[in-house]
Amino acid sequence: MSDVPDHAVPPYGPSGDAPGDVLLRDVLQVIEELYPKDSAQSWDRVGVVTGDLDQPIRRIHLAVDPTLEVIEEARAAGADLLMTHHPLLLRGVHSLATHTAKGAAVTALIVADMALVTAHTNADVAEPGVCTALAQAAGVTQMRPLTLEEGRPMGRIGSLGESISLAEFASRLASALPATPVGVRVSGPPQAPVTTVAVVGGAGDSLLDEVRRSGADVYVTADLRHHPVVESREESRGGPPYLVDAGHFATEWLWLEEAGRRIIDGLGPRGAEVDTFVSRIITDPWTFVVGTAGPDDVPGTTGIDQGGLR
């Protein structure tokens, strides 16, 4: 279990024992209206993975990843539908034998009579969606799309409405995100001023050039790789955009509560028959870190973030 704040996780309600008339097809219609499949990237695989369109849905479990642990949590809670951000079958598989992770996951879903639906890049570009939830957590106002990918708005950029230090910004962001073992990594001088913020939930180093052209002071995303980051910081000569790697899970988990609420609202009066629950299981693969240094330990004599190239 994670350190996700309890107040951010809506519990199951008392209903769910009596049969309702909300079917999987009804929920899918709402999801399609909120996160249309045709707005997903061409390489993505979203929508229904398992389930019968006519099966009743009384409880919806929401999570970032459809891992075996998450599936078991949803099964134990009596969920009829597991909705995740990341796809289970993004790439082709040739076996569903239970000695493989994918096979065990699909088998567990089918045996539990649990539907699985994913909303991935179609949720990233939605308004509101994954990126807007992250931008709000970062304190961004008057947000607008960062760039377009395949004609869809990817990422968001906006203002904090004030100038604060990079260290203060990172601290505020960390307090708004679910706590994970990896935490928040920052590239830039702790006292550098920050006003304009760009964000992309999940892996975002493919957009570093767009962020630099946007004029953002800081870029919040995840999965930043060594070489793209080094090149970006050198291109910036130690100045903005500074980079914040807040973790893949954390930057995308924030959206789940909103997604569940919007699905219930989209069902209208029948939404009262359906409960939602946001999983607290951290699905990042990292479990602990050692040898970390805080902002007070940043070297002051060398490096591109100490006033320029050396």
C-alpha atoms as a PDB file:
ATOM      1  CA  MET A   1       0.000   0.000   0.000  1.00  0.00           C
ATOM      2  CA  SER A   2       1.108   3.543  -0.647  1.00  0.00           C
ATOM      3  CA  ASP A   3       1.255   6.836   1.138  1.00  0.00           C
ATOM      4  CA  VAL A   4      -1.506   8.292  -1.035  1.00  0.00           C
ATOM      5  CA  PRO A   5      -3.530  10.632   1.210  1.00  0.00           C
ATOM      6  CA  ASP A   6      -6.753   9.019   2.449  1.00  0.00           C
ATOM      7  CA  HIS A   7      -8.763  12.167   1.716  1.00  0.00           C
ATOM      8  CA  ALA A   8      -7.940  11.804  -1.972  1.00  0.00           C
ATOM      9  CA  VAL A   9      -9.417   8.294  -2.251  1.00  0.00           C
ATOM     10  CA  PRO A  10     -13.215   7.962  -2.436  1.00  0.00           C
ATOM     11  CA  PRO A  11     -14.313   4.811  -0.559  1.00  0.00           C
ATOM     12  CA  TYR A  12     -16.845   2.287  -1.697  1.00  0.00           C
ATOM     13  CA  GLY A  13     -20.353   3.294  -0.733  1.00  0.00           C
ATOM     14  CA  PRO A  14     -22.877   1.023   0.981  1.00  0.00           C
ATOM     15  CA  SER A  15     -24.583   0.023  -2.261  1.00  0.00           C
ATOM     16  CA  GLY A  16     -23.681  -2.805  -4.592  1.00  0.00           C
ATOM     17  CA  ASP A  17     -25.570  -5.755  -3.122  1.00  0.00           C
ATOM     18  CA  ALA A  18     -28.775  -5.255  -5.054  1.00  0.00           C
ATOM     19  CA  PRO A  19     -28.827  -5.786  -8.827  1.00  0.00           C
ATOM     20  CA  GLY A  20     -28.821  -2.585 -10.843  1.00  0.00           C
ATOM     21  CA  ASP A  21     -29.593  -1.802 -14.444  1.00  0.00           C
ATOM     22  CA  VAL A  22     -26.249  -0.167 -15.290  1.00  0.00           C
ATOM     23  CA  LEU A  23     -24.531  -2.382 -17.861  1.00  0.00           C
ATOM     24  CA  LEU A  24     -20.985  -2.357 -19.143  1.00  0.00           C
ATOM     25  CA  ARG A  25     -22.218  -0.941 -22.449  1.00  0.00           C
ATOM     26  CA  ASP A  26     -23.730   2.007 -20.563  1.00  0.00           C
ATOM     27  CA  VAL A  27     -20.448   2.755 -18.798  1.00  0.00           C
ATOM     28  CA  LEU A  28     -18.532   2.401 -22.059  1.00  0.00           C
ATOM     29  CA  GLN A  29     -20.804   4.939 -23.711  1.00  0.00           C
ATOM     30  CA  VAL A  30     -19.952   7.473 -21.007  1.00  0.00           C
ATOM     31  CA  ILE A  31     -16.237   6.688 -21.224  1.00  0.00           C
ATOM     32  CA  GLU A  32     -16.344   7.144 -25.000  1.00  0.00           C
ATOM     33  CA  GLU A  33     -17.962  10.550 -24.555  1.00  0.00           C
ATOM     34  CA  LEU A  34     -15.325  11.597 -22.019  1.00  0.00           C
ATOM     35  CA  TYR A  35     -12.289   9.972 -23.639  1.00  0.00           C
ATOM     36  CA  PRO A  36     -13.073   9.131 -27.298  1.00  0.00           C
ATOM     37  CA  LYS A  37     -11.106   6.205 -28.683  1.00  0.00           C
ATOM     38  CA  ASP A  38     -10.358   8.095 -31.882  1.00  0.00           C
ATOM     39  CA  SER A  39      -8.506  10.752 -29.866  1.00  0.00           C
ATOM     40  CA  ALA A  40      -5.895   8.196 -28.777  1.00  0.00           C
ATOM     41  CA  GLN A  41      -2.519   8.115 -30.506  1.00  0.00           C
ATOM     42  CA  SER A  42      -2.310   5.839 -33.553  1.00  0.00           C
ATOM     43  CA  TRP A  43       0.045   3.408 -31.770  1.00  0.00           C
ATOM     44  CA  ASP A  44      -2.128   3.119 -28.659  1.00  0.00           C
ATOM     45  CA  ARG A  45      -4.532   0.336 -27.663  1.00  0.00           C
ATOM     46  CA  VAL A  46      -7.470   1.573 -25.613  1.00  0.00           C
ATOM     47  CA  GLY A  47     -10.996   0.422 -24.823  1.00  0.00           C
ATOM     48  CA  VAL A  48     -12.425  -2.918 -23.709  1.00  0.00           C
ATOM     49  CA  VAL A  49      -9.967  -5.727 -22.964  1.00  0.00           C
ATOM     50  CA  THR A  50     -12.240  -8.191 -21.167  1.00  0.00           C
ATOM     51  CA  GLY A  51     -15.926  -8.215 -20.299  1.00  0.00           C
ATOM     52  CA  ASP A  52     -19.459  -8.794 -21.542  1.00  0.00           C
ATOM     53  CA  LEU A  53     -21.250  -5.683 -22.777  1.00  0.00           C
ATOM     54  CA  ASP A  54     -24.413  -6.814 -21.003  1.00  0.00           C
ATOM     55  CA  GLN A  55     -22.882  -7.567 -17.616  1.00  0.00           C
ATOM     56  CA  PRO A  56     -24.129  -5.405 -14.706  1.00  0.00           C
ATOM     57  CA  ILE A  57     -21.672  -2.881 -13.307  1.00  0.00           C
ATOM     58  CA  ARG A  58     -22.082  -1.996  -9.652  1.00  0.00           C
ATOM     59  CA  ARG A  59     -18.496  -1.253  -8.636  1.00  0.00           C
ATOM     60  CA  ILE A  60     -15.729   0.363 -10.654  1.00  0.00           C
ATOM     61  CA  HIS A  61     -12.111   0.067  -9.538  1.00  0.00           C
ATOM     62  CA  LEU A  62      -9.698   2.666 -10.980  1.00  0.00           C
ATOM     63  CA  ALA A  63      -5.912   2.292 -11.155  1.00  0.00           C
ATOM     64  CA  VAL A  64      -2.899   3.391 -13.162  1.00  0.00           C
ATOM     65  CA  ASP A  65      -1.778  -0.134 -14.148  1.00  0.00           C
ATOM     66  CA  PRO A  66      -3.594  -3.475 -14.490  1.00  0.00           C
ATOM     67  CA  THR A  67      -0.977  -5.373 -12.512  1.00  0.00           C
ATOM     68  CA  LEU A  68      -1.711  -8.722 -10.905  1.00  0.00           C
ATOM     69  CA  GLU A  69      -1.772  -7.053  -7.481  1.00  0.00           C
ATOM     70  CA  VAL A  70      -4.267  -4.433  -8.648  1.00  0.00           C
ATOM     71  CA  ILE A  71      -6.477  -7.075 -10.275  1.00  0.00           C
ATOM     72  CA  GLU A  72      -6.504  -9.093  -7.047  1.00  0.00           C
ATOM     73  CA  GLU A  73      -7.350  -5.967  -5.045  1.00  0.00           C
ATOM     74  CA  ALA A  74     -10.260  -5.224  -7.377  1.00  0.00           C
ATOM     75  CA  ARG A  75     -11.475  -8.846  -7.258  1.00  0.00           C
ATOM     76  CA  ALA A  76     -11.338  -8.924  -3.455  1.00  0.00           C
ATOM     77  CA  ALA A  77     -13.327  -5.679  -3.338  1.00  0.00           C
ATOM     78  CA  GLY A  78     -16.048  -7.138  -5.543  1.00  0.00           C
ATOM     79  CA  ALA A  79     -15.444  -4.858  -8.518  1.00  0.00           C
ATOM     80  CA  ASP A  80     -17.252  -5.597 -11.772  1.00  0.00           C
ATOM     81  CA  LEU A  81     -15.089  -3.236 -13.820  1.00  0.00           C
ATOM     82  CA  LEU A  82     -11.418  -2.346 -13.560  1.00  0.00           C
ATOM     83  CA  MET A  83     -10.564   0.853 -15.417  1.00  0.00           C
ATOM     84  CA  THR A  84      -6.877   1.583 -15.844  1.00  0.00           C
ATOM     85  CA  HIS A  85      -4.831   4.263 -17.532  1.00  0.00           C
ATOM     86  CA  HIS A  86      -2.200   1.964 -18.994  1.00  0.00           C
ATOM     87  CA  PRO A  87      -3.155  -0.779 -21.454  1.00  0.00           C
ATOM     88  CA  LEU A  88      -2.664  -4.423 -20.537  1.00  0.00           C
ATOM     89  CA  LEU A  89      -2.085  -5.587 -24.120  1.00  0.00           C
ATOM     90  CA  LEU A  90      -0.286  -2.666 -25.769  1.00  0.00           C
ATOM     91  CA  ARG A  91       1.969  -5.034 -27.710  1.00  0.00           C
ATOM     92  CA  GLY A  92       1.056  -8.362 -29.232  1.00  0.00           C
ATOM     93  CA  VAL A  93       1.284 -11.524 -27.156  1.00  0.00           C
ATOM     94  CA  HIS A  94       1.351 -15.091 -28.412  1.00  0.00           C
ATOM     95  CA  SER A  95       0.318 -16.920 -25.263  1.00  0.00           C
ATOM     96  CA  LEU A  96      -2.134 -16.415 -22.427  1.00  0.00           C
ATOM     97  CA  ALA A  97      -0.772 -19.290 -20.379  1.00  0.00           C
ATOM     98  CA  THR A  98      -0.875 -18.456 -16.703  1.00  0.00           C
ATOM     99  CA  HIS A  99       2.875 -18.875 -16.234  1.00  0.00           C
ATOM    100  CA  THR A 100       3.194 -15.543 -18.085  1.00  0.00           C
ATOM    101  CA  ALA A 101       2.220 -12.279 -16.404  1.00  0.00           C
ATOM    102  CA  LYS A 102      -0.124 -11.235 -19.210  1.00  0.00           C
ATOM    103  CA  GLY A 103      -1.775 -14.644 -19.298  1.00  0.00           C
ATOM    104  CA  ALA A 104      -2.235 -14.680 -15.541  1.00  0.00           C
ATOM    105  CA  ALA A 105      -3.763 -11.196 -15.655  1.00  0.00           C
ATOM    106  CA  VAL A 106      -6.246 -12.004 -18.424  1.00  0.00           C
ATOM    107  CA  THR A 107      -7.173 -15.304 -16.765  1.00  0.00           C
ATOM    108  CA  ALA A 108      -7.707 -13.615 -13.391  1.00  0.00           C
ATOM    109  CA  LEU A 109      -9.988 -11.019 -14.987  1.00  0.00           C
ATOM    110  CA  ILE A 110     -12.072 -13.612 -16.824  1.00  0.00           C
ATOM    111  CA  VAL A 111     -12.341 -15.983 -13.848  1.00  0.00           C
ATOM    112  CA  ALA A 112     -13.459 -13.053 -11.685  1.00  0.00           C
ATOM    113  CA  ASP A 113     -16.009 -12.034 -14.345  1.00  0.00           C
ATOM    114  CA  MET A 114     -14.379  -8.601 -14.248  1.00  0.00           C
ATOM    115  CA  ALA A 115     -14.330  -6.256 -17.203  1.00  0.00           C
ATOM    116  CA  LEU A 116     -11.155  -4.306 -17.994  1.00  0.00           C
ATOM    117  CA  VAL A 117     -11.258  -0.987 -19.846  1.00  0.00           C
ATOM    118  CA  THR A 118      -8.299   1.288 -20.524  1.00  0.00           C
ATOM    119  CA  ALA A 119      -8.113   4.996 -21.332  1.00  0.00           C
ATOM    120  CA  HIS A 120      -4.534   5.964 -22.116  1.00  0.00           C
ATOM    121  CA  THR A 121      -3.490   8.695 -24.551  1.00  0.00           C
ATOM    122  CA  ASN A 122      -7.162   9.508 -25.106  1.00  0.00           C
ATOM    123  CA  ALA A 123      -7.220  10.455 -21.405  1.00  0.00           C
ATOM    124  CA  ASP A 124      -3.909  12.320 -21.726  1.00  0.00           C
ATOM    125  CA  VAL A 125      -5.330  14.721 -24.325  1.00  0.00           C
ATOM    126  CA  ALA A 126      -8.798  15.074 -22.768  1.00  0.00           C
ATOM    127  CA  GLU A 127     -10.048  18.335 -21.314  1.00  0.00           C
ATOM    128  CA  PRO A 128     -10.116  17.693 -18.437  1.00  0.00           C
ATOM    129  CA  GLY A 129      -7.821  14.692 -18.329  1.00  0.00           C
ATOM    130  CA  VAL A 130      -4.464  13.396 -17.118  1.00  0.00           C
ATOM    131  CA  CYS A 131      -2.443  16.478 -18.063  1.00  0.00           C
ATOM    132  CA  THR A 132      -4.944  18.983 -16.689  1.00  0.00           C
ATOM    133  CA  ALA A 133      -5.050  17.111 -13.363  1.00  0.00           C
ATOM    134  CA  LEU A 134      -1.258  17.288 -13.151  1.00  0.00           C
ATOM    135  CA  ALA A 135      -1.236  20.979 -14.104  1.00  0.00           C
ATOM    136  CA  GLN A 136      -3.760  21.764 -11.371  1.00  0.00           C
ATOM    137  CA  ALA A 137      -1.667  19.862  -8.817  1.00  0.00           C
ATOM    138  CA  ALA A 138       1.339  21.938  -9.906  1.00  0.00           C
ATOM    139  CA  GLY A 139      -0.620  25.143  -9.248  1.00  0.00           C
ATOM    140  CA  VAL A 140      -0.965  26.113 -12.913  1.00  0.00           C
ATOM    141  CA  THR A 141      -3.709  28.536 -13.909  1.00  0.00           C
ATOM    142  CA  GLN A 142      -4.888  29.794 -17.291  1.00  0.00           C
ATOM    143  CA  MET A 143      -3.531  26.619 -18.832  1.00  0.00           C
ATOM    144  CA  ARG A 144      -3.357  25.945 -22.555  1.00  0.00           C
ATOM    145  CA  PRO A 145      -2.028  23.027 -24.651  1.00  0.00           C
ATOM    146  CA  LEU A 146       1.747  22.680 -24.705  1.00  0.00           C
ATOM    147  CA  THR A 147       1.825  21.211 -28.213  1.00  0.00           C
ATOM    148  CA  LEU A 148      -0.139  19.082 -30.679  1.00  0.00           C
ATOM    149  CA  GLU A 149       0.510  15.428 -31.447  1.00  0.00           C
ATOM    150  CA  GLU A 150      -1.456  13.872 -34.294  1.00  0.00           C
ATOM    151  CA  GLY A 151      -3.688  16.933 -34.139  1.00  0.00           C
ATOM    152  CA  ARG A 152      -4.494  16.476 -30.443  1.00  0.00           C
ATOM    153  CA  PRO A 153      -3.453  18.752 -27.544  1.00  0.00           C
ATOM    154  CA  MET A 154      -0.605  17.112 -25.628  1.00  0.00           C
ATOM    155  CA  GLY A 155       0.543  18.500 -22.296  1.00  0.00           C
ATOM    156  CA  ARG A 156      -0.421  21.799 -20.718  1.00  0.00           C
ATOM    157  CA  ILE A 157       1.377  25.063 -19.950  1.00  0.00           C
ATOM    158  CA  GLY A 158       0.357  28.006 -17.791  1.00  0.00           C
ATOM    159  CA  SER A 159       1.302  30.378 -15.008  1.00  0.00           C
ATOM    160  CA  LEU A 160       1.638  30.002 -11.253  1.00  0.00           C
ATOM    161  CA  GLY A 161       0.468  33.585 -10.828  1.00  0.00           C
ATOM    162  CA  GLU A 162       3.592  34.313  -8.800  1.00  0.00           C
ATOM    163  CA  SER A 163       7.350  33.795  -8.902  1.00  0.00           C
ATOM    164  CA  ILE A 164       8.744  31.226  -6.487  1.00  0.00           C
ATOM    165  CA  SER A 165      12.020  29.341  -6.225  1.00  0.00           C
ATOM    166  CA  LEU A 166      12.483  26.054  -8.024  1.00  0.00           C
ATOM    167  CA  ALA A 167      13.002  24.355  -4.659  1.00  0.00           C
ATOM    168  CA  GLU A 168       9.737  25.761  -3.300  1.00  0.00           C
ATOM    169  CA  PHE A 169       7.908  24.747  -6.458  1.00  0.00           C
ATOM    170  CA  ALA A 170       9.231  21.186  -6.229  1.00  0.00           C
ATOM    171  CA  SER A 171       8.277  21.016  -2.556  1.00  0.00           C
ATOM    172  CA  ARG A 172       4.721  22.187  -3.257  1.00  0.00           C
ATOM    173  CA  LEU A 173       4.386  19.725  -6.108  1.00  0.00           C
ATOM    174  CA  ALA A 174       5.636  16.834  -3.987  1.00  0.00           C
ATOM    175  CA  SER A 175       3.037  17.600  -1.325  1.00  0.00           C
ATOM    176  CA  ALA A 176       0.279  17.476  -3.946  1.00  0.00           C
ATOM    177  CA  LEU A 177       1.386  14.127  -5.403  1.00  0.00           C
ATOM    178  CA  PRO A 178       1.084  10.645  -3.916  1.00  0.00           C
ATOM    179  CA  ALA A 179       4.309   9.839  -2.078  1.00  0.00           C
ATOM    180  CA  THR A 180       6.424   7.192  -3.809  1.00  0.00           C
ATOM    181  CA  PRO A 181       9.850   5.711  -3.006  1.00  0.00           C
ATOM    182  CA  VAL A 182      11.504   7.573  -5.888  1.00  0.00           C
ATOM    183  CA  GLY A 183      10.050  10.957  -4.961  1.00  0.00           C
ATOM    184  CA  VAL A 184      10.655  14.030  -7.116  1.00  0.00           C
ATOM    185  CA  ARG A 185      13.926  14.610  -9.005  1.00  0.00           C
ATOM    186  CA  VAL A 186      14.908  18.149 -10.008  1.00  0.00           C
ATOM    187  CA  SER A 187      17.444  19.504 -12.474  1.00  0.00           C
ATOM    188  CA  GLY A 188      18.209  23.182 -11.905  1.00  0.00           C
ATOM    189  CA  PRO A 189      19.481  25.642  -9.275  1.00  0.00           C
ATOM    190  CA  PRO A 190      17.290  25.432  -6.135  1.00  0.00           C
ATOM    191  CA  GLN A 191      16.888  29.222  -5.946  1.00  0.00           C
ATOM    192  CA  ALA A 192      16.069  29.736  -9.646  1.00  0.00           C
ATOM    193  CA  PRO A 193      12.802  31.704 -10.105  1.00  0.00           C
ATOM    194  CA  VAL A 194       9.828  29.835 -11.539  1.00  0.00           C
ATOM    195  CA  THR A 195       6.617  31.341 -12.905  1.00  0.00           C
ATOM    196  CA  THR A 196       5.608  29.471 -16.082  1.00  0.00           C
ATOM    197  CA  VAL A 197       5.120  25.709 -15.863  1.00  0.00           C
ATOM    198  CA  ALA A 198       4.708  23.041 -18.539  1.00  0.00           C
ATOM    199  CA  VAL A 199       3.496  19.523 -17.706  1.00  0.00           C
ATOM    200  CA  VAL A 200       3.024  16.153 -19.356  1.00  0.00           C
ATOM    201  CA  GLY A 201       1.812  13.180 -17.345  1.00  0.00           C
ATOM    202  CA  GLY A 202       3.943  10.063 -17.757  1.00  0.00           C
ATOM    203  CA  ALA A 203       7.007   9.793 -19.988  1.00  0.00           C
ATOM    204  CA  GLY A 204       7.666  13.191 -21.555  1.00  0.00           C
ATOM    205  CA  ASP A 205      11.280  13.658 -22.625  1.00  0.00           C
ATOM    206  CA  SER A 206      10.244  13.436 -26.293  1.00  0.00           C
ATOM    207  CA  LEU A 207       8.779  16.934 -25.867  1.00  0.00           C
ATOM    208  CA  LEU A 208      11.863  18.663 -24.443  1.00  0.00           C
ATOM    209  CA  ASP A 209      12.362  20.724 -27.614  1.00  0.00           C
ATOM    210  CA  GLU A 210       8.734  21.897 -27.547  1.00  0.00           C
ATOM    211  CA  VAL A 211       9.081  22.844 -23.886  1.00  0.00           C
ATOM    212  CA  ARG A 212      12.185  24.916 -24.609  1.00  0.00           C
ATOM    213  CA  ARG A 213      10.411  26.726 -27.440  1.00  0.00           C
ATOM    214  CA  SER A 214       7.391  27.365 -25.196  1.00  0.00           C
ATOM    215  CA  GLY A 215       9.364  29.597 -22.839  1.00  0.00           C
ATOM    216  CA  ALA A 216       8.401  27.564 -19.751  1.00  0.00           C
ATOM    217  CA  ASP A 217      10.553  28.068 -16.654  1.00  0.00           C
ATOM    218  CA  VAL A 218      10.094  24.474 -15.525  1.00  0.00           C
ATOM    219  CA  TYR A 219       8.845  21.233 -17.057  1.00  0.00           C
ATOM    220  CA  VAL A 220       7.104  18.575 -14.935  1.00  0.00           C
ATOM    221  CA  THR A 221       6.933  15.079 -16.391  1.00  0.00           C
ATOM    222  CA  ALA A 222       8.385  11.592 -15.733  1.00  0.00           C
ATOM    223  CA  ASP A 223      10.827   8.955 -16.980  1.00  0.00           C
ATOM    224  CA  LEU A 224      13.434  11.540 -17.982  1.00  0.00           C
ATOM    225  CA  ARG A 225      16.447   9.775 -19.478  1.00  0.00           C
ATOM    226  CA  HIS A 226      20.059  10.762 -18.921  1.00  0.00           C
ATOM    227  CA  HIS A 227      21.119  11.771 -22.429  1.00  0.00           C
ATOM    228  CA  PRO A 228      18.047  13.838 -23.419  1.00  0.00           C
ATOM    229  CA  VAL A 229      18.215  15.662 -20.078  1.00  0.00           C
ATOM    230  CA  VAL A 230      21.950  16.400 -20.331  1.00  0.00           C
ATOM    231  CA  GLU A 231      21.481  17.723 -23.855  1.00  0.00           C
ATOM    232  CA  SER A 232      18.482  19.830 -22.834  1.00  0.00           C
ATOM    233  CA  ARG A 233      20.309  21.368 -19.854  1.00  0.00           C
ATOM    234  CA  GLU A 234      23.338  22.172 -21.999  1.00  0.00           C
ATOM    235  CA  GLU A 235      21.159  23.771 -24.665  1.00  0.00           C
ATOM    236  CA  SER A 236      19.662  25.911 -21.895  1.00  0.00           C
ATOM    237  CA  ARG A 237      23.137  26.950 -20.644  1.00  0.00           C
ATOM    238  CA  GLY A 238      22.037  26.276 -17.079  1.00  0.00           C
ATOM    239  CA  GLY A 239      18.890  28.386 -17.408  1.00  0.00           C
ATOM    240  CA  PRO A 240      15.249  27.452 -17.982  1.00  0.00           C
ATOM    241  CA  PRO A 241      13.489  25.247 -18.643  1.00  0.00           C
ATOM    242  CA  TYR A 242      14.421  23.452 -15.448  1.00  0.00           C
ATOM    243  CA  LEU A 243      13.280  19.844 -15.252  1.00  0.00           C
ATOM    244  CA  VAL A 244      11.239  17.984 -12.665  1.00  0.00           C
ATOM    245  CA  ASP A 245      10.834  14.217 -12.897  1.00  0.00           C
ATOM    246  CA  ALA A 246       7.912  13.462 -10.588  1.00  0.00           C
ATOM    247  CA  GLY A 247       7.529   9.776 -11.430  1.00  0.00           C
ATOM    248  CA  HIS A 248       5.301   7.976 -13.899  1.00  0.00           C
ATOM    249  CA  PHE A 249       2.756   6.658 -11.415  1.00  0.00           C
ATOM    250  CA  ALA A 250       2.446   9.878  -9.429  1.00  0.00           C
ATOM    251  CA  THR A 251       1.952  12.164 -12.431  1.00  0.00           C
ATOM    252  CA  GLU A 252      -0.895  10.010 -13.771  1.00  0.00           C
ATOM    253  CA  TRP A 253      -2.582   8.798 -10.569  1.00  0.00           C
ATOM    254  CA  LEU A 254      -4.096  12.225  -9.879  1.00  0.00           C
ATOM    255  CA  TRP A 255      -6.541  11.838 -12.778  1.00  0.00           C
ATOM    256  CA  LEU A 256      -8.248   8.691 -11.504  1.00  0.00           C
ATOM    257  CA  GLU A 257     -10.516  10.253  -8.897  1.00  0.00           C
ATOM    258  CA  GLU A 258     -11.767  12.808 -11.402  1.00  0.00           C
ATOM    259  CA  ALA A 259     -12.350  10.096 -14.013  1.00  0.00           C
ATOM    260  CA  GLY A 260     -14.447   8.045 -11.617  1.00  0.00           C
ATOM    261  CA  ARG A 261     -16.507  11.070 -10.606  1.00  0.00           C
ATOM    262  CA  ARG A 262     -17.139  12.074 -14.218  1.00  0.00           C
ATOM    263  CA  ILE A 263     -18.227   8.549 -15.165  1.00  0.00           C
ATOM    264  CA  ILE A 264     -20.746   8.486 -12.318  1.00  0.00           C
ATOM    265  CA  ASP A 265     -22.021  11.938 -13.313  1.00  0.00           C
ATOM    266  CA  GLY A 266     -22.276  10.827 -16.936  1.00  0.00           C
ATOM    267  CA  LEU A 267     -24.564   7.959 -15.968  1.00  0.00           C
ATOM    268  CA  GLY A 268     -27.115  10.443 -14.670  1.00  0.00           C
ATOM    269  CA  PRO A 269     -29.576   9.215 -12.007  1.00  0.00           C
ATOM    270  CA  ARG A 270     -28.399   5.632 -12.551  1.00  0.00           C
ATOM    271  CA  GLY A 271     -24.950   6.634 -11.339  1.00  0.00           C
ATOM    272  CA  ALA A 272     -26.278   6.309  -7.781  1.00  0.00           C
ATOM    273  CA  GLU A 273     -26.295   2.529  -8.353  1.00  0.00           C
ATOM    274  CA  VAL A 274     -22.530   2.432  -9.016  1.00  0.00           C
ATOM    275  CA  ASP A 275     -19.665   2.797  -6.533  1.00  0.00           C
ATOM    276  CA  THR A 276     -16.122   3.828  -7.465  1.00  0.00           C
ATOM    277  CA  PHE A 277     -12.803   3.247  -5.761  1.00  0.00           C
ATOM    278  CA  VAL A 278      -9.307   4.540  -6.585  1.00  0.00           C
ATOM    279  CA  SER A 279      -6.536   2.030  -5.925  1.00  0.00           C
ATOM    280  CA  ARG A 280      -3.736   3.133  -3.608  1.00  0.00           C
ATOM    281  CA  ILE A 281      -1.314   0.493  -4.850  1.00  0.00           C
ATOM    282  CA  ILE A 282       1.841   2.136  -6.188  1.00  0.00           C
ATOM    283  CA  THR A 283       2.641   0.440  -9.474  1.00  0.00           C
ATOM    284  CA  ASP A 284       5.994   2.116 -10.077  1.00  0.00           C
ATOM    285  CA  PRO A 285       8.580  -0.684 -10.168  1.00  0.00           C
ATOM    286  CA  TRP A 286      10.998   1.060  -7.763  1.00  0.00           C
ATOM    287  CA  THR A 287      10.770   0.148  -4.077  1.00  0.00           C
ATOM    288  CA  PHE A 288      13.483   2.213  -2.375  1.00  0.00           C
ATOM    289  CA  VAL A 289      16.399   4.576  -3.001  1.00  0.00           C
ATOM    290  CA  VAL A 290      19.696   5.130  -1.167  1.00  0.00           C
ATOM    291  CA  GLY A 291      22.369   7.795  -1.176  1.00  0.00           C
ATOM    292  CA  THR A 292      20.123  10.712  -2.116  1.00  0.00           C
ATOM    293  CA  ALA A 293      21.044  14.385  -1.653  1.00  0.00           C
ATOM    294  CA  GLY A 294      18.720  17.301  -0.959  1.00  0.00           C
ATOM    295  CA  PRO A 295      18.775  20.778  -2.505  1.00  0.00           C
ATOM    296  CA  ASP A 296      21.128  22.033   0.225  1.00  0.00           C
ATOM    297  CA  ASP A 297      23.717  19.530  -0.986  1.00  0.00           C
ATOM    298  CA  VAL A 298      23.810  20.738  -4.601  1.00  0.00           C
ATOM    299  CA  PRO A 299      27.461  21.404  -5.567  1.00  0.00           C
ATOM    300  CA  GLY A 300      28.214  25.085  -6.070  1.00  0.00           C
ATOM    301  CA  THR A 301      31.503  24.940  -7.929  1.00  0.00           C
ATOM    302  CA  THR A 302      30.879  23.011 -11.138  1.00  0.00           C
ATOM    303  CA  GLY A 303      28.073  21.964 -13.426  1.00  0.00           C
ATOM    304  CA  ILE A 304      25.786  23.527 -16.011  1.00  0.00           C
ATOM    305  CA  ASP A 305      23.201  24.427 -13.378  1.00  0.00           C
ATOM    306  CA  GLN A 306      25.555  26.660 -11.420  1.00  0.00           C
ATOM    307  CA  GLY A 307      25.658  29.626 -13.781  1.00  0.00           C
ATOM    308  CA  GLY A 308      26.651  28.198 -17.157  1.00  0.00           C
ATOM    309  CA  LEU A 309      28.826  25.663 -18.927  1.00  0.00           C
ATOM    310  CA  ARG A 310      32.284  24.945 -17.559  1.00  0.00           C
END
